[in-house]
Amino acid sequence: MASFDDVAKQFATHFYTTFDTNRAALINLYQDQSMLTYESERCQGREAIYKKLMSVPTVKHAPAILQAQPSPGNGIIIFVSGNLGIEENPPVKFAETFLLMPGTGGGFFIHNNIFQLNYC
């Protein structure tokens, strides 16, 4: 079985590559009980999260830091920070936290997801 660090790295690579190239496919990582906070906007459930993710302009993620910890219930908490290119603008800093929980079939799903741009 892969370590929580290995799962976190694989997840982050998959998440950001998919977000930047085929964002609609991210919906498969969320379930109806999942919650996303994007800046100050909260969305719960697959449909609401899908609508929010699809409303984000074209972006290019460049994660620089990834940290992970195991959580109760065999979950994994993941923190990512880095640079985010938004359309043709200069990159800005971002931070994002995920709580992955075991799903059916042996994989994980995103139970909680918090995203924040850092302008300071």
PDB file of N, CA and C in Angstrom:
ATOM      1  N   MET A   1       0.845  -1.189   0.000  1.00  0.00           N
ATOM      2  CA  MET A   1       0.000   0.000   0.000  1.00  0.00           C
ATOM      3  C   MET A   1       0.885   1.245   0.000  1.00  0.00           C
ATOM      4  N   ALA A   2       0.495   2.241  -0.772  1.00  0.00           N
ATOM      5  CA  ALA A   2       1.269   3.471  -0.900  1.00  0.00           C
ATOM      6  C   ALA A   2       1.180   4.293   0.389  1.00  0.00           C
ATOM      7  N   SER A   3       2.257   5.001   0.709  1.00  0.00           N
ATOM      8  CA  SER A   3       2.268   5.870   1.885  1.00  0.00           C
ATOM      9  C   SER A   3       1.380   7.086   1.629  1.00  0.00           C
ATOM     10  N   PHE A   4       0.996   7.766   2.696  1.00  0.00           N
ATOM     11  CA  PHE A   4       0.163   8.957   2.522  1.00  0.00           C
ATOM     12  C   PHE A   4       0.908  10.032   1.729  1.00  0.00           C
ATOM     13  N   ASP A   5       2.239  10.114   1.885  1.00  0.00           N
ATOM     14  CA  ASP A   5       3.008  11.075   1.088  1.00  0.00           C
ATOM     15  C   ASP A   5       2.947  10.739  -0.398  1.00  0.00           C
ATOM     16  N   ASP A   6       3.070   9.456  -0.734  1.00  0.00           N
ATOM     17  CA  ASP A   6       3.000   9.044  -2.132  1.00  0.00           C
ATOM     18  C   ASP A   6       1.623   9.338  -2.724  1.00  0.00           C
ATOM     19  N   VAL A   7       0.573   9.017  -1.959  1.00  0.00           N
ATOM     20  CA  VAL A   7      -0.789   9.294  -2.433  1.00  0.00           C
ATOM     21  C   VAL A   7      -0.975  10.788  -2.648  1.00  0.00           C
ATOM     22  N   ALA A   8      -0.479  11.596  -1.720  1.00  0.00           N
ATOM     23  CA  ALA A   8      -0.620  13.055  -1.831  1.00  0.00           C
ATOM     24  C   ALA A   8       0.068  13.577  -3.081  1.00  0.00           C
ATOM     25  N   LYS A   9       1.269  13.118  -3.349  1.00  0.00           N
ATOM     26  CA  LYS A   9       1.997  13.568  -4.535  1.00  0.00           C
ATOM     27  C   LYS A   9       1.289  13.148  -5.815  1.00  0.00           C
ATOM     28  N   GLN A  10       0.828  11.894  -5.860  1.00  0.00           N
ATOM     29  CA  GLN A  10       0.103  11.415  -7.044  1.00  0.00           C
ATOM     30  C   GLN A  10      -1.195  12.187  -7.237  1.00  0.00           C
ATOM     31  N   PHE A  11      -1.901  12.420  -6.127  1.00  0.00           N
ATOM     32  CA  PHE A  11      -3.148  13.167  -6.199  1.00  0.00           C
ATOM     33  C   PHE A  11      -2.910  14.582  -6.736  1.00  0.00           C
ATOM     34  N   ALA A  12      -1.934  15.296  -6.156  1.00  0.00           N
ATOM     35  CA  ALA A  12      -1.681  16.681  -6.563  1.00  0.00           C
ATOM     36  C   ALA A  12      -1.302  16.769  -8.037  1.00  0.00           C
ATOM     37  N   THR A  13      -0.448  15.873  -8.485  1.00  0.00           N
ATOM     38  CA  THR A  13      -0.074  15.861  -9.900  1.00  0.00           C
ATOM     39  C   THR A  13      -1.301  15.668 -10.778  1.00  0.00           C
ATOM     40  N   HIS A  14      -2.127  14.691 -10.422  1.00  0.00           N
ATOM     41  CA  HIS A  14      -3.345  14.424 -11.198  1.00  0.00           C
ATOM     42  C   HIS A  14      -4.315  15.612 -11.137  1.00  0.00           C
ATOM     43  N   PHE A  15      -4.542  16.137  -9.940  1.00  0.00           N
ATOM     44  CA  PHE A  15      -5.521  17.216  -9.770  1.00  0.00           C
ATOM     45  C   PHE A  15      -5.143  18.438 -10.598  1.00  0.00           C
ATOM     46  N   TYR A  16      -3.905  18.909 -10.461  1.00  0.00           N
ATOM     47  CA  TYR A  16      -3.528  20.150 -11.142  1.00  0.00           C
ATOM     48  C   TYR A  16      -3.368  19.967 -12.644  1.00  0.00           C
ATOM     49  N   THR A  17      -2.895  18.820 -13.087  1.00  0.00           N
ATOM     50  CA  THR A  17      -2.835  18.556 -14.528  1.00  0.00           C
ATOM     51  C   THR A  17      -4.240  18.531 -15.117  1.00  0.00           C
ATOM     52  N   THR A  18      -5.159  17.869 -14.420  1.00  0.00           N
ATOM     53  CA  THR A  18      -6.537  17.790 -14.897  1.00  0.00           C
ATOM     54  C   THR A  18      -7.210  19.159 -14.845  1.00  0.00           C
ATOM     55  N   PHE A  19      -6.991  19.902 -13.778  1.00  0.00           N
ATOM     56  CA  PHE A  19      -7.594  21.237 -13.660  1.00  0.00           C
ATOM     57  C   PHE A  19      -7.167  22.120 -14.833  1.00  0.00           C
ATOM     58  N   ASP A  20      -5.899  22.046 -15.189  1.00  0.00           N
ATOM     59  CA  ASP A  20      -5.367  22.920 -16.235  1.00  0.00           C
ATOM     60  C   ASP A  20      -5.684  22.462 -17.654  1.00  0.00           C
ATOM     61  N   THR A  21      -6.032  21.182 -17.837  1.00  0.00           N
ATOM     62  CA  THR A  21      -6.218  20.657 -19.192  1.00  0.00           C
ATOM     63  C   THR A  21      -7.610  20.110 -19.489  1.00  0.00           C
ATOM     64  N   ASN A  22      -8.315  19.593 -18.470  1.00  0.00           N
ATOM     65  CA  ASN A  22      -9.627  18.978 -18.686  1.00  0.00           C
ATOM     66  C   ASN A  22     -10.454  19.114 -17.418  1.00  0.00           C
ATOM     67  N   ARG A  23     -10.691  20.337 -17.020  1.00  0.00           N
ATOM     68  CA  ARG A  23     -11.303  20.651 -15.725  1.00  0.00           C
ATOM     69  C   ARG A  23     -12.592  19.890 -15.447  1.00  0.00           C
ATOM     70  N   ALA A  24     -13.409  19.661 -16.446  1.00  0.00           N
ATOM     71  CA  ALA A  24     -14.685  18.972 -16.244  1.00  0.00           C
ATOM     72  C   ALA A  24     -14.493  17.584 -15.632  1.00  0.00           C
ATOM     73  N   ALA A  25     -13.365  16.942 -15.895  1.00  0.00           N
ATOM     74  CA  ALA A  25     -13.118  15.595 -15.372  1.00  0.00           C
ATOM     75  C   ALA A  25     -12.879  15.587 -13.862  1.00  0.00           C
ATOM     76  N   LEU A  26     -12.629  16.753 -13.270  1.00  0.00           N
ATOM     77  CA  LEU A  26     -12.415  16.803 -11.824  1.00  0.00           C
ATOM     78  C   LEU A  26     -13.644  16.389 -11.034  1.00  0.00           C
ATOM     79  N   ILE A  27     -14.810  16.494 -11.635  1.00  0.00           N
ATOM     80  CA  ILE A  27     -16.043  16.154 -10.919  1.00  0.00           C
ATOM     81  C   ILE A  27     -15.995  14.725 -10.384  1.00  0.00           C
ATOM     82  N   ASN A  28     -15.241  13.856 -11.034  1.00  0.00           N
ATOM     83  CA  ASN A  28     -15.140  12.471 -10.588  1.00  0.00           C
ATOM     84  C   ASN A  28     -14.403  12.327  -9.264  1.00  0.00           C
ATOM     85  N   LEU A  29     -13.709  13.382  -8.822  1.00  0.00           N
ATOM     86  CA  LEU A  29     -12.981  13.336  -7.554  1.00  0.00           C
ATOM     87  C   LEU A  29     -13.835  13.774  -6.372  1.00  0.00           C
ATOM     88  N   TYR A  30     -15.022  14.302  -6.631  1.00  0.00           N
ATOM     89  CA  TYR A  30     -15.905  14.811  -5.581  1.00  0.00           C
ATOM     90  C   TYR A  30     -17.130  13.915  -5.436  1.00  0.00           C
ATOM     91  N   GLN A  31     -17.769  13.973  -4.255  1.00  0.00           N
ATOM     92  CA  GLN A  31     -19.031  13.282  -4.018  1.00  0.00           C
ATOM     93  C   GLN A  31     -20.060  14.292  -3.522  1.00  0.00           C
ATOM     94  N   ASP A  32     -21.297  13.827  -3.305  1.00  0.00           N
ATOM     95  CA  ASP A  32     -22.361  14.750  -2.910  1.00  0.00           C
ATOM     96  C   ASP A  32     -22.110  15.413  -1.561  1.00  0.00           C
ATOM     97  N   GLN A  33     -21.367  14.768  -0.667  1.00  0.00           N
ATOM     98  CA  GLN A  33     -21.072  15.376   0.630  1.00  0.00           C
ATOM     99  C   GLN A  33     -19.830  16.260   0.599  1.00  0.00           C
ATOM    100  N   SER A  34     -19.132  16.330  -0.519  1.00  0.00           N
ATOM    101  CA  SER A  34     -17.927  17.136  -0.648  1.00  0.00           C
ATOM    102  C   SER A  34     -18.244  18.621  -0.534  1.00  0.00           C
ATOM    103  N   MET A  35     -17.281  19.383   0.015  1.00  0.00           N
ATOM    104  CA  MET A  35     -17.428  20.833   0.112  1.00  0.00           C
ATOM    105  C   MET A  35     -16.183  21.515  -0.423  1.00  0.00           C
ATOM    106  N   LEU A  36     -16.399  22.573  -1.195  1.00  0.00           N
ATOM    107  CA  LEU A  36     -15.343  23.411  -1.737  1.00  0.00           C
ATOM    108  C   LEU A  36     -15.550  24.829  -1.224  1.00  0.00           C
ATOM    109  N   THR A  37     -14.480  25.443  -0.700  1.00  0.00           N
ATOM    110  CA  THR A  37     -14.475  26.872  -0.430  1.00  0.00           C
ATOM    111  C   THR A  37     -13.453  27.464  -1.383  1.00  0.00           C
ATOM    112  N   TYR A  38     -13.932  28.271  -2.315  1.00  0.00           N
ATOM    113  CA  TYR A  38     -13.079  28.900  -3.325  1.00  0.00           C
ATOM    114  C   TYR A  38     -13.071  30.386  -3.018  1.00  0.00           C
ATOM    115  N   GLU A  39     -11.924  30.860  -2.489  1.00  0.00           N
ATOM    116  CA  GLU A  39     -11.856  32.202  -1.921  1.00  0.00           C
ATOM    117  C   GLU A  39     -12.878  32.223  -0.788  1.00  0.00           C
ATOM    118  N   SER A  40     -13.919  33.024  -0.861  1.00  0.00           N
ATOM    119  CA  SER A  40     -14.897  33.049   0.239  1.00  0.00           C
ATOM    120  C   SER A  40     -16.217  32.377  -0.131  1.00  0.00           C
ATOM    121  N   GLU A  41     -16.287  31.783  -1.301  1.00  0.00           N
ATOM    122  CA  GLU A  41     -17.535  31.160  -1.767  1.00  0.00           C
ATOM    123  C   GLU A  41     -17.543  29.672  -1.432  1.00  0.00           C
ATOM    124  N   ARG A  42     -18.573  29.231  -0.723  1.00  0.00           N
ATOM    125  CA  ARG A  42     -18.714  27.813  -0.366  1.00  0.00           C
ATOM    126  C   ARG A  42     -19.697  27.126  -1.300  1.00  0.00           C
ATOM    127  N   CYS A  43     -19.311  25.903  -1.711  1.00  0.00           N
ATOM    128  CA  CYS A  43     -20.166  25.083  -2.564  1.00  0.00           C
ATOM    129  C   CYS A  43     -20.179  23.682  -1.971  1.00  0.00           C
ATOM    130  N   GLN A  44     -21.347  23.079  -1.894  1.00  0.00           N
ATOM    131  CA  GLN A  44     -21.414  21.699  -1.420  1.00  0.00           C
ATOM    132  C   GLN A  44     -22.141  20.844  -2.444  1.00  0.00           C
ATOM    133  N   GLY A  45     -21.582  19.660  -2.677  1.00  0.00           N
ATOM    134  CA  GLY A  45     -22.165  18.719  -3.619  1.00  0.00           C
ATOM    135  C   GLY A  45     -21.508  18.804  -4.985  1.00  0.00           C
ATOM    136  N   ARG A  46     -21.555  17.696  -5.681  1.00  0.00           N
ATOM    137  CA  ARG A  46     -20.887  17.593  -6.983  1.00  0.00           C
ATOM    138  C   ARG A  46     -21.342  18.658  -7.968  1.00  0.00           C
ATOM    139  N   GLU A  47     -22.645  18.858  -8.076  1.00  0.00           N
ATOM    140  CA  GLU A  47     -23.161  19.796  -9.074  1.00  0.00           C
ATOM    141  C   GLU A  47     -22.710  21.227  -8.791  1.00  0.00           C
ATOM    142  N   ALA A  48     -22.816  21.671  -7.544  1.00  0.00           N
ATOM    143  CA  ALA A  48     -22.415  23.030  -7.185  1.00  0.00           C
ATOM    144  C   ALA A  48     -20.904  23.217  -7.367  1.00  0.00           C
ATOM    145  N   ILE A  49     -20.121  22.211  -6.993  1.00  0.00           N
ATOM    146  CA  ILE A  49     -18.665  22.287  -7.153  1.00  0.00           C
ATOM    147  C   ILE A  49     -18.305  22.339  -8.640  1.00  0.00           C
ATOM    148  N   TYR A  50     -18.960  21.516  -9.436  1.00  0.00           N
ATOM    149  CA  TYR A  50     -18.721  21.516 -10.885  1.00  0.00           C
ATOM    150  C   TYR A  50     -18.970  22.914 -11.471  1.00  0.00           C
ATOM    151  N   LYS A  51     -20.096  23.518 -11.105  1.00  0.00           N
ATOM    152  CA  LYS A  51     -20.424  24.853 -11.628  1.00  0.00           C
ATOM    153  C   LYS A  51     -19.358  25.866 -11.241  1.00  0.00           C
ATOM    154  N   LYS A  52     -18.898  25.802 -10.007  1.00  0.00           N
ATOM    155  CA  LYS A  52     -17.876  26.751  -9.562  1.00  0.00           C
ATOM    156  C   LYS A  52     -16.571  26.531 -10.317  1.00  0.00           C
ATOM    157  N   LEU A  53     -16.116  25.300 -10.397  1.00  0.00           N
ATOM    158  CA  LEU A  53     -14.852  25.015 -11.081  1.00  0.00           C
ATOM    159  C   LEU A  53     -14.898  25.437 -12.545  1.00  0.00           C
ATOM    160  N   MET A  54     -16.029  25.243 -13.181  1.00  0.00           N
ATOM    161  CA  MET A  54     -16.153  25.601 -14.595  1.00  0.00           C
ATOM    162  C   MET A  54     -16.226  27.113 -14.795  1.00  0.00           C
ATOM    163  N   SER A  55     -16.529  27.878 -13.738  1.00  0.00           N
ATOM    164  CA  SER A  55     -16.612  29.335 -13.857  1.00  0.00           C
ATOM    165  C   SER A  55     -15.249  30.016 -13.701  1.00  0.00           C
ATOM    166  N   VAL A  56     -14.249  29.274 -13.277  1.00  0.00           N
ATOM    167  CA  VAL A  56     -12.910  29.831 -13.082  1.00  0.00           C
ATOM    168  C   VAL A  56     -12.279  30.073 -14.457  1.00  0.00           C
ATOM    169  N   PRO A  57     -11.599  31.220 -14.635  1.00  0.00           N
ATOM    170  CA  PRO A  57     -10.965  31.470 -15.940  1.00  0.00           C
ATOM    171  C   PRO A  57      -9.834  30.473 -16.216  1.00  0.00           C
ATOM    172  N   THR A  58      -9.290  30.530 -17.407  1.00  0.00           N
ATOM    173  CA  THR A  58      -8.179  29.658 -17.785  1.00  0.00           C
ATOM    174  C   THR A  58      -6.997  29.926 -16.866  1.00  0.00           C
ATOM    175  N   VAL A  59      -6.449  28.849 -16.285  1.00  0.00           N
ATOM    176  CA  VAL A  59      -5.346  28.980 -15.331  1.00  0.00           C
ATOM    177  C   VAL A  59      -4.273  27.941 -15.614  1.00  0.00           C
ATOM    178  N   LYS A  60      -3.100  28.199 -15.028  1.00  0.00           N
ATOM    179  CA  LYS A  60      -1.980  27.260 -15.088  1.00  0.00           C
ATOM    180  C   LYS A  60      -1.365  27.205 -13.696  1.00  0.00           C
ATOM    181  N   HIS A  61      -1.484  26.043 -13.045  1.00  0.00           N
ATOM    182  CA  HIS A  61      -0.937  25.853 -11.702  1.00  0.00           C
ATOM    183  C   HIS A  61       0.542  25.477 -11.777  1.00  0.00           C
ATOM    184  N   ALA A  62       1.321  26.027 -10.847  1.00  0.00           N
ATOM    185  CA  ALA A  62       2.725  25.639 -10.666  1.00  0.00           C
ATOM    186  C   ALA A  62       2.945  25.398  -9.176  1.00  0.00           C
ATOM    187  N   PRO A  63       2.523  24.216  -8.687  1.00  0.00           N
ATOM    188  CA  PRO A  63       2.707  23.922  -7.263  1.00  0.00           C
ATOM    189  C   PRO A  63       4.189  23.924  -6.897  1.00  0.00           C
ATOM    190  N   ALA A  64       4.506  24.484  -5.732  1.00  0.00           N
ATOM    191  CA  ALA A  64       5.892  24.548  -5.284  1.00  0.00           C
ATOM    192  C   ALA A  64       6.105  23.781  -3.979  1.00  0.00           C
ATOM    193  N   ILE A  65       5.114  23.789  -3.116  1.00  0.00           N
ATOM    194  CA  ILE A  65       5.211  23.120  -1.814  1.00  0.00           C
ATOM    195  C   ILE A  65       4.027  22.185  -1.655  1.00  0.00           C
ATOM    196  N   LEU A  66       4.292  20.979  -1.197  1.00  0.00           N
ATOM    197  CA  LEU A  66       3.248  20.006  -0.895  1.00  0.00           C
ATOM    198  C   LEU A  66       3.594  19.368   0.443  1.00  0.00           C
ATOM    199  N   GLN A  67       2.636  19.405   1.358  1.00  0.00           N
ATOM    200  CA  GLN A  67       2.787  18.737   2.639  1.00  0.00           C
ATOM    201  C   GLN A  67       1.562  17.883   2.876  1.00  0.00           C
ATOM    202  N   ALA A  68       1.741  16.754   3.545  1.00  0.00           N
ATOM    203  CA  ALA A  68       0.622  15.847   3.794  1.00  0.00           C
ATOM    204  C   ALA A  68       0.733  15.241   5.185  1.00  0.00           C
ATOM    205  N   GLN A  69      -0.427  14.904   5.737  1.00  0.00           N
ATOM    206  CA  GLN A  69      -0.509  14.198   7.009  1.00  0.00           C
ATOM    207  C   GLN A  69      -1.658  13.205   6.938  1.00  0.00           C
ATOM    208  N   PRO A  70      -1.524  12.081   7.652  1.00  0.00           N
ATOM    209  CA  PRO A  70      -2.674  11.175   7.762  1.00  0.00           C
ATOM    210  C   PRO A  70      -3.717  11.806   8.679  1.00  0.00           C
ATOM    211  N   SER A  71      -4.974  11.464   8.461  1.00  0.00           N
ATOM    212  CA  SER A  71      -6.049  11.962   9.314  1.00  0.00           C
ATOM    213  C   SER A  71      -6.901  10.785   9.775  1.00  0.00           C
ATOM    214  N   PRO A  72      -7.724  10.986  10.810  1.00  0.00           N
ATOM    215  CA  PRO A  72      -8.594   9.901  11.277  1.00  0.00           C
ATOM    216  C   PRO A  72      -9.486   9.379  10.143  1.00  0.00           C
ATOM    217  N   GLY A  73      -9.845   8.135  10.235  1.00  0.00           N
ATOM    218  CA  GLY A  73     -10.687   7.524   9.212  1.00  0.00           C
ATOM    219  C   GLY A  73      -9.930   7.174   7.956  1.00  0.00           C
ATOM    220  N   ASN A  74      -8.600   7.048   8.063  1.00  0.00           N
ATOM    221  CA  ASN A  74      -7.733   6.716   6.925  1.00  0.00           C
ATOM    222  C   ASN A  74      -7.728   7.783   5.841  1.00  0.00           C
ATOM    223  N   GLY A  75      -8.029   9.015   6.231  1.00  0.00           N
ATOM    224  CA  GLY A  75      -7.980  10.131   5.294  1.00  0.00           C
ATOM    225  C   GLY A  75      -6.575  10.704   5.194  1.00  0.00           C
ATOM    226  N   ILE A  76      -6.418  11.663   4.300  1.00  0.00           N
ATOM    227  CA  ILE A  76      -5.140  12.346   4.098  1.00  0.00           C
ATOM    228  C   ILE A  76      -5.422  13.839   3.949  1.00  0.00           C
ATOM    229  N   ILE A  77      -4.740  14.650   4.752  1.00  0.00           N
ATOM    230  CA  ILE A  77      -4.811  16.099   4.625  1.00  0.00           C
ATOM    231  C   ILE A  77      -3.626  16.542   3.773  1.00  0.00           C
ATOM    232  N   ILE A  78      -3.904  17.355   2.758  1.00  0.00           N
ATOM    233  CA  ILE A  78      -2.861  17.801   1.834  1.00  0.00           C
ATOM    234  C   ILE A  78      -2.898  19.326   1.759  1.00  0.00           C
ATOM    235  N   PHE A  79      -1.730  19.935   1.899  1.00  0.00           N
ATOM    236  CA  PHE A  79      -1.586  21.378   1.730  1.00  0.00           C
ATOM    237  C   PHE A  79      -0.658  21.619   0.550  1.00  0.00           C
ATOM    238  N   VAL A  80      -1.079  22.509  -0.352  1.00  0.00           N
ATOM    239  CA  VAL A  80      -0.289  22.840  -1.538  1.00  0.00           C
ATOM    240  C   VAL A  80      -0.220  24.354  -1.650  1.00  0.00           C
ATOM    241  N   SER A  81       0.957  24.871  -1.992  1.00  0.00           N
ATOM    242  CA  SER A  81       1.072  26.290  -2.332  1.00  0.00           C
ATOM    243  C   SER A  81       1.984  26.423  -3.535  1.00  0.00           C
ATOM    244  N   GLY A  82       1.817  27.528  -4.235  1.00  0.00           N
ATOM    245  CA  GLY A  82       2.626  27.741  -5.431  1.00  0.00           C
ATOM    246  C   GLY A  82       2.162  28.965  -6.176  1.00  0.00           C
ATOM    247  N   ASN A  83       2.420  28.971  -7.471  1.00  0.00           N
ATOM    248  CA  ASN A  83       2.051  30.090  -8.340  1.00  0.00           C
ATOM    249  C   ASN A  83       0.908  29.678  -9.252  1.00  0.00           C
ATOM    250  N   LEU A  84       0.070  30.647  -9.555  1.00  0.00           N
ATOM    251  CA  LEU A  84      -1.083  30.408 -10.418  1.00  0.00           C
ATOM    252  C   LEU A  84      -1.099  31.476 -11.497  1.00  0.00           C
ATOM    253  N   GLY A  85      -0.958  31.045 -12.748  1.00  0.00           N
ATOM    254  CA  GLY A  85      -1.110  31.953 -13.872  1.00  0.00           C
ATOM    255  C   GLY A  85      -2.576  32.017 -14.257  1.00  0.00           C
ATOM    256  N   ILE A  86      -3.129  33.211 -14.305  1.00  0.00           N
ATOM    257  CA  ILE A  86      -4.540  33.397 -14.652  1.00  0.00           C
ATOM    258  C   ILE A  86      -4.602  34.118 -15.987  1.00  0.00           C
ATOM    259  N   GLU A  87      -5.043  33.390 -16.999  1.00  0.00           N
ATOM    260  CA  GLU A  87      -5.077  33.879 -18.369  1.00  0.00           C
ATOM    261  C   GLU A  87      -3.709  34.436 -18.723  1.00  0.00           C
ATOM    262  N   GLU A  88      -3.612  35.656 -19.187  1.00  0.00           N
ATOM    263  CA  GLU A  88      -2.314  36.207 -19.608  1.00  0.00           C
ATOM    264  C   GLU A  88      -1.691  37.116 -18.554  1.00  0.00           C
ATOM    265  N   ASN A  89      -2.199  37.099 -17.330  1.00  0.00           N
ATOM    266  CA  ASN A  89      -1.713  37.968 -16.263  1.00  0.00           C
ATOM    267  C   ASN A  89      -0.476  37.372 -15.589  1.00  0.00           C
ATOM    268  N   PRO A  90       0.311  38.204 -14.904  1.00  0.00           N
ATOM    269  CA  PRO A  90       1.447  37.672 -14.142  1.00  0.00           C
ATOM    270  C   PRO A  90       0.953  36.695 -13.075  1.00  0.00           C
ATOM    271  N   PRO A  91       1.741  35.693 -12.727  1.00  0.00           N
ATOM    272  CA  PRO A  91       1.310  34.709 -11.726  1.00  0.00           C
ATOM    273  C   PRO A  91       1.073  35.352 -10.363  1.00  0.00           C
ATOM    274  N   VAL A  92       0.144  34.754  -9.621  1.00  0.00           N
ATOM    275  CA  VAL A  92      -0.110  35.114  -8.227  1.00  0.00           C
ATOM    276  C   VAL A  92       0.095  33.864  -7.385  1.00  0.00           C
ATOM    277  N   LYS A  93       0.299  34.069  -6.089  1.00  0.00           N
ATOM    278  CA  LYS A  93       0.482  32.948  -5.167  1.00  0.00           C
ATOM    279  C   LYS A  93      -0.877  32.347  -4.808  1.00  0.00           C
ATOM    280  N   PHE A  94      -0.889  31.033  -4.611  1.00  0.00           N
ATOM    281  CA  PHE A  94      -2.106  30.376  -4.149  1.00  0.00           C
ATOM    282  C   PHE A  94      -1.756  29.376  -3.057  1.00  0.00           C
ATOM    283  N   ALA A  95      -2.752  29.058  -2.259  1.00  0.00           N
ATOM    284  CA  ALA A  95      -2.653  27.989  -1.261  1.00  0.00           C
ATOM    285  C   ALA A  95      -3.935  27.174  -1.346  1.00  0.00           C
ATOM    286  N   GLU A  96      -3.803  25.868  -1.182  1.00  0.00           N
ATOM    287  CA  GLU A  96      -4.963  24.986  -1.287  1.00  0.00           C
ATOM    288  C   GLU A  96      -4.791  23.823  -0.326  1.00  0.00           C
ATOM    289  N   THR A  97      -5.900  23.458   0.315  1.00  0.00           N
ATOM    290  CA  THR A  97      -5.913  22.344   1.254  1.00  0.00           C
ATOM    291  C   THR A  97      -6.996  21.365   0.830  1.00  0.00           C
ATOM    292  N   PHE A  98      -6.671  20.084   0.913  1.00  0.00           N
ATOM    293  CA  PHE A  98      -7.608  19.007   0.591  1.00  0.00           C
ATOM    294  C   PHE A  98      -7.690  18.044   1.767  1.00  0.00           C
ATOM    295  N   LEU A  99      -8.864  17.508   1.998  1.00  0.00           N
ATOM    296  CA  LEU A  99      -9.026  16.347   2.866  1.00  0.00           C
ATOM    297  C   LEU A  99      -9.536  15.233   1.977  1.00  0.00           C
ATOM    298  N   LEU A 100      -8.675  14.252   1.745  1.00  0.00           N
ATOM    299  CA  LEU A 100      -9.071  13.076   0.968  1.00  0.00           C
ATOM    300  C   LEU A 100      -9.582  12.021   1.929  1.00  0.00           C
ATOM    301  N   MET A 101     -10.658  11.360   1.547  1.00  0.00           N
ATOM    302  CA  MET A 101     -11.212  10.264   2.343  1.00  0.00           C
ATOM    303  C   MET A 101     -11.326   9.029   1.464  1.00  0.00           C
ATOM    304  N   PRO A 102     -11.225   7.851   2.083  1.00  0.00           N
ATOM    305  CA  PRO A 102     -11.358   6.626   1.293  1.00  0.00           C
ATOM    306  C   PRO A 102     -12.738   6.547   0.636  1.00  0.00           C
ATOM    307  N   GLY A 103     -12.734   6.170  -0.616  1.00  0.00           N
ATOM    308  CA  GLY A 103     -13.981   5.990  -1.343  1.00  0.00           C
ATOM    309  C   GLY A 103     -14.230   4.514  -1.587  1.00  0.00           C
ATOM    310  N   THR A 104     -15.305   4.231  -2.235  1.00  0.00           N
ATOM    311  CA  THR A 104     -15.589   2.849  -2.593  1.00  0.00           C
ATOM    312  C   THR A 104     -14.628   2.424  -3.691  1.00  0.00           C
ATOM    313  N   GLY A 105     -14.231   1.201  -3.693  1.00  0.00           N
ATOM    314  CA  GLY A 105     -13.333   0.693  -4.717  1.00  0.00           C
ATOM    315  C   GLY A 105     -11.865   0.914  -4.418  1.00  0.00           C
ATOM    316  N   GLY A 106     -11.535   1.360  -3.205  1.00  0.00           N
ATOM    317  CA  GLY A 106     -10.139   1.461  -2.814  1.00  0.00           C
ATOM    318  C   GLY A 106      -9.464   2.772  -3.102  1.00  0.00           C
ATOM    319  N   GLY A 107     -10.116   3.709  -3.774  1.00  0.00           N
ATOM    320  CA  GLY A 107      -9.501   4.994  -4.052  1.00  0.00           C
ATOM    321  C   GLY A 107      -9.869   6.037  -3.003  1.00  0.00           C
ATOM    322  N   PHE A 108      -9.611   7.300  -3.321  1.00  0.00           N
ATOM    323  CA  PHE A 108      -9.942   8.408  -2.446  1.00  0.00           C
ATOM    324  C   PHE A 108     -10.842   9.383  -3.186  1.00  0.00           C
ATOM    325  N   PHE A 109     -11.592  10.178  -2.421  1.00  0.00           N
ATOM    326  CA  PHE A 109     -12.346  11.287  -2.990  1.00  0.00           C
ATOM    327  C   PHE A 109     -12.049  12.531  -2.166  1.00  0.00           C
ATOM    328  N   ILE A 110     -12.326  13.692  -2.743  1.00  0.00           N
ATOM    329  CA  ILE A 110     -12.114  14.950  -2.046  1.00  0.00           C
ATOM    330  C   ILE A 110     -13.333  15.228  -1.180  1.00  0.00           C
ATOM    331  N   HIS A 111     -13.142  15.166   0.122  1.00  0.00           N
ATOM    332  CA  HIS A 111     -14.226  15.473   1.057  1.00  0.00           C
ATOM    333  C   HIS A 111     -14.293  16.977   1.305  1.00  0.00           C
ATOM    334  N   ASN A 112     -13.130  17.603   1.504  1.00  0.00           N
ATOM    335  CA  ASN A 112     -13.057  19.048   1.706  1.00  0.00           C
ATOM    336  C   ASN A 112     -11.930  19.612   0.841  1.00  0.00           C
ATOM    337  N   ASN A 113     -12.166  20.826   0.333  1.00  0.00           N
ATOM    338  CA  ASN A 113     -11.214  21.506  -0.541  1.00  0.00           C
ATOM    339  C   ASN A 113     -11.326  23.011  -0.278  1.00  0.00           C
ATOM    340  N   ILE A 114     -10.218  23.627   0.145  1.00  0.00           N
ATOM    341  CA  ILE A 114     -10.195  25.062   0.398  1.00  0.00           C
ATOM    342  C   ILE A 114      -9.121  25.678  -0.501  1.00  0.00           C
ATOM    343  N   PHE A 115      -9.514  26.674  -1.278  1.00  0.00           N
ATOM    344  CA  PHE A 115      -8.588  27.352  -2.203  1.00  0.00           C
ATOM    345  C   PHE A 115      -8.559  28.841  -1.863  1.00  0.00           C
ATOM    346  N   GLN A 116      -7.340  29.417  -1.875  1.00  0.00           N
ATOM    347  CA  GLN A 116      -7.203  30.846  -1.590  1.00  0.00           C
ATOM    348  C   GLN A 116      -6.050  31.429  -2.401  1.00  0.00           C
ATOM    349  N   LEU A 117      -6.338  32.547  -3.092  1.00  0.00           N
ATOM    350  CA  LEU A 117      -5.262  33.331  -3.709  1.00  0.00           C
ATOM    351  C   LEU A 117      -4.610  34.162  -2.617  1.00  0.00           C
ATOM    352  N   ASN A 118      -3.302  34.366  -2.727  1.00  0.00           N
ATOM    353  CA  ASN A 118      -2.536  35.124  -1.724  1.00  0.00           C
ATOM    354  C   ASN A 118      -1.977  36.367  -2.389  1.00  0.00           C
ATOM    355  N   TYR A 119      -2.561  37.504  -2.094  1.00  0.00           N
ATOM    356  CA  TYR A 119      -2.124  38.760  -2.695  1.00  0.00           C
ATOM    357  C   TYR A 119      -1.133  39.520  -1.827  1.00  0.00           C
ATOM    358  N   CYS A 120      -0.854  39.032  -0.614  1.00  0.00           N
ATOM    359  CA  CYS A 120       0.061  39.773   0.276  1.00  0.00           C
ATOM    360  C   CYS A 120       1.493  39.323   0.109  1.00  0.00           C
TER     361      CYS A 120
END
